[in-house]
Protein backbone atom coordinates (compact mmCIF):
# COMPACT_ATOMS: atom_id res chain seq x y z
CA UNK A 1 0.00 0.00 0.00
CA UNK A 2 1.38 3.41 -1.02
CA UNK A 3 0.42 6.47 1.02
CA UNK A 4 0.94 10.10 0.13
CA UNK A 5 1.82 12.57 2.83
CA UNK A 6 1.68 16.35 2.46
CA UNK A 7 4.62 17.91 4.26
CA UNK A 8 5.38 21.62 4.18
CA UNK A 9 8.52 23.68 4.61
CA UNK A 10 9.43 27.36 4.41
CA UNK A 11 12.35 28.16 2.14
CA UNK A 12 14.45 31.35 2.07
CA UNK A 13 16.96 32.72 -0.43
CA UNK A 14 19.63 32.80 2.24
CA UNK A 15 20.08 30.98 5.57
CA UNK A 16 17.61 32.47 8.08
CA UNK A 17 16.26 29.66 10.22
CA UNK A 18 17.90 27.96 13.17
CA UNK A 19 18.31 24.25 12.53
CA UNK A 20 19.95 21.35 14.30
CA UNK A 21 23.19 21.88 12.37
CA UNK A 22 23.17 25.69 12.59
CA UNK A 23 21.52 28.27 10.36
CA UNK A 24 19.67 26.88 7.35
CA UNK A 25 17.53 28.02 4.41
CA UNK A 26 14.70 25.63 5.29
CA UNK A 27 12.19 25.47 8.12
CA UNK A 28 10.12 22.31 8.36
CA UNK A 29 6.48 23.07 9.14
CA UNK A 30 4.97 19.61 9.31
CA UNK A 31 1.71 18.42 7.78
CA UNK A 32 -0.93 20.77 6.44
CA UNK A 33 -3.11 21.91 9.30
CA UNK A 34 -0.48 21.39 12.00
CA UNK A 35 -0.06 24.18 14.53
CA UNK A 36 3.29 25.24 13.10
CA UNK A 37 1.95 25.20 9.53
CA UNK A 38 -1.08 27.32 10.51
CA UNK A 39 1.12 29.83 12.36
CA UNK A 40 3.40 30.27 9.36
CA UNK A 41 0.49 30.48 6.92
CA UNK A 42 -0.92 33.31 9.06
CA UNK A 43 2.48 35.06 9.11
CA UNK A 44 2.70 34.86 5.33
CA UNK A 45 -0.86 36.16 4.93
CA UNK A 46 -0.06 39.12 7.22
CA UNK A 47 3.15 39.84 5.30
CA UNK A 48 1.29 39.80 1.98
CA UNK A 49 -1.46 42.06 3.34
CA UNK A 50 1.11 44.55 4.62
CA UNK A 51 2.92 44.50 1.26
CA UNK A 52 -0.38 45.14 -0.57
CA UNK A 53 -1.32 48.02 1.72
CA UNK A 54 2.17 49.55 1.45
CA UNK A 55 2.02 49.33 -2.33
CA UNK A 56 -1.43 50.97 -2.38
CA UNK A 57 -0.26 53.80 -0.11
CA UNK A 58 2.76 54.46 -2.33
CA UNK A 59 0.57 54.49 -5.44
CA UNK A 60 -1.93 56.89 -3.84
CA UNK A 61 0.94 59.13 -2.71
CA UNK A 62 2.31 59.19 -6.25
CA UNK A 63 -1.13 60.06 -7.66
CA UNK A 64 -1.54 62.82 -5.07
CA UNK A 65 1.84 64.31 -6.02
CA UNK A 66 0.87 64.23 -9.71
CA UNK A 67 -2.45 65.93 -8.94
CA UNK A 68 -0.77 68.67 -6.89
CA UNK A 69 1.79 69.22 -9.67
CA UNK A 70 -1.03 69.49 -12.25
CA UNK A 71 -2.87 72.08 -10.13
CA UNK A 72 0.24 74.21 -9.70
C-alpha atoms as a PDB file:
ATOM      1  CA  UNK A   1       0.000   0.000   0.000  1.00  0.00           C
ATOM      2  CA  UNK A   2       1.379   3.411  -1.019  1.00  0.00           C
ATOM      3  CA  UNK A   3       0.419   6.467   1.019  1.00  0.00           C
ATOM      4  CA  UNK A   4       0.939  10.098   0.128  1.00  0.00           C
ATOM      5  CA  UNK A   5       1.817  12.570   2.829  1.00  0.00           C
ATOM      6  CA  UNK A   6       1.679  16.345   2.460  1.00  0.00           C
ATOM      7  CA  UNK A   7       4.618  17.910   4.262  1.00  0.00           C
ATOM      8  CA  UNK A   8       5.380  21.621   4.181  1.00  0.00           C
ATOM      9  CA  UNK A   9       8.520  23.685   4.609  1.00  0.00           C
ATOM     10  CA  UNK A  10       9.430  27.356   4.412  1.00  0.00           C
ATOM     11  CA  UNK A  11      12.351  28.159   2.138  1.00  0.00           C
ATOM     12  CA  UNK A  12      14.447  31.353   2.072  1.00  0.00           C
ATOM     13  CA  UNK A  13      16.958  32.720  -0.435  1.00  0.00           C
ATOM     14  CA  UNK A  14      19.628  32.800   2.244  1.00  0.00           C
ATOM     15  CA  UNK A  15      20.076  30.985   5.568  1.00  0.00           C
ATOM     16  CA  UNK A  16      17.608  32.475   8.077  1.00  0.00           C
ATOM     17  CA  UNK A  17      16.262  29.663  10.218  1.00  0.00           C
ATOM     18  CA  UNK A  18      17.903  27.959  13.169  1.00  0.00           C
ATOM     19  CA  UNK A  19      18.310  24.247  12.535  1.00  0.00           C
ATOM     20  CA  UNK A  20      19.953  21.348  14.303  1.00  0.00           C
ATOM     21  CA  UNK A  21      23.192  21.882  12.372  1.00  0.00           C
ATOM     22  CA  UNK A  22      23.165  25.689  12.587  1.00  0.00           C
ATOM     23  CA  UNK A  23      21.517  28.275  10.362  1.00  0.00           C
ATOM     24  CA  UNK A  24      19.668  26.875   7.351  1.00  0.00           C
ATOM     25  CA  UNK A  25      17.527  28.024   4.410  1.00  0.00           C
ATOM     26  CA  UNK A  26      14.696  25.628   5.293  1.00  0.00           C
ATOM     27  CA  UNK A  27      12.192  25.472   8.125  1.00  0.00           C
ATOM     28  CA  UNK A  28      10.123  22.305   8.359  1.00  0.00           C
ATOM     29  CA  UNK A  29       6.477  23.074   9.142  1.00  0.00           C
ATOM     30  CA  UNK A  30       4.971  19.609   9.306  1.00  0.00           C
ATOM     31  CA  UNK A  31       1.711  18.419   7.781  1.00  0.00           C
ATOM     32  CA  UNK A  32      -0.933  20.771   6.437  1.00  0.00           C
ATOM     33  CA  UNK A  33      -3.111  21.911   9.303  1.00  0.00           C
ATOM     34  CA  UNK A  34      -0.483  21.391  11.996  1.00  0.00           C
ATOM     35  CA  UNK A  35      -0.064  24.178  14.534  1.00  0.00           C
ATOM     36  CA  UNK A  36       3.292  25.236  13.096  1.00  0.00           C
ATOM     37  CA  UNK A  37       1.948  25.195   9.527  1.00  0.00           C
ATOM     38  CA  UNK A  38      -1.080  27.316  10.511  1.00  0.00           C
ATOM     39  CA  UNK A  39       1.118  29.831  12.356  1.00  0.00           C
ATOM     40  CA  UNK A  40       3.404  30.275   9.356  1.00  0.00           C
ATOM     41  CA  UNK A  41       0.489  30.483   6.918  1.00  0.00           C
ATOM     42  CA  UNK A  42      -0.922  33.315   9.061  1.00  0.00           C
ATOM     43  CA  UNK A  43       2.477  35.059   9.106  1.00  0.00           C
ATOM     44  CA  UNK A  44       2.703  34.864   5.328  1.00  0.00           C
ATOM     45  CA  UNK A  45      -0.863  36.157   4.927  1.00  0.00           C
ATOM     46  CA  UNK A  46      -0.065  39.120   7.216  1.00  0.00           C
ATOM     47  CA  UNK A  47       3.146  39.845   5.303  1.00  0.00           C
ATOM     48  CA  UNK A  48       1.287  39.800   1.984  1.00  0.00           C
ATOM     49  CA  UNK A  49      -1.464  42.060   3.344  1.00  0.00           C
ATOM     50  CA  UNK A  50       1.114  44.553   4.618  1.00  0.00           C
ATOM     51  CA  UNK A  51       2.921  44.498   1.261  1.00  0.00           C
ATOM     52  CA  UNK A  52      -0.376  45.136  -0.566  1.00  0.00           C
ATOM     53  CA  UNK A  53      -1.318  48.022   1.724  1.00  0.00           C
ATOM     54  CA  UNK A  54       2.168  49.550   1.448  1.00  0.00           C
ATOM     55  CA  UNK A  55       2.017  49.334  -2.333  1.00  0.00           C
ATOM     56  CA  UNK A  56      -1.432  50.966  -2.379  1.00  0.00           C
ATOM     57  CA  UNK A  57      -0.259  53.799  -0.107  1.00  0.00           C
ATOM     58  CA  UNK A  58       2.755  54.461  -2.330  1.00  0.00           C
ATOM     59  CA  UNK A  59       0.567  54.485  -5.438  1.00  0.00           C
ATOM     60  CA  UNK A  60      -1.925  56.892  -3.836  1.00  0.00           C
ATOM     61  CA  UNK A  61       0.936  59.126  -2.711  1.00  0.00           C
ATOM     62  CA  UNK A  62       2.308  59.190  -6.251  1.00  0.00           C
ATOM     63  CA  UNK A  63      -1.134  60.060  -7.662  1.00  0.00           C
ATOM     64  CA  UNK A  64      -1.540  62.822  -5.075  1.00  0.00           C
ATOM     65  CA  UNK A  65       1.837  64.309  -6.016  1.00  0.00           C
ATOM     66  CA  UNK A  66       0.874  64.234  -9.707  1.00  0.00           C
ATOM     67  CA  UNK A  67      -2.450  65.926  -8.937  1.00  0.00           C
ATOM     68  CA  UNK A  68      -0.767  68.668  -6.888  1.00  0.00           C
ATOM     69  CA  UNK A  69       1.786  69.220  -9.671  1.00  0.00           C
ATOM     70  CA  UNK A  70      -1.034  69.487 -12.249  1.00  0.00           C
ATOM     71  CA  UNK A  71      -2.869  72.076 -10.133  1.00  0.00           C
ATOM     72  CA  UNK A  72       0.243  74.213  -9.703  1.00  0.00           C
END
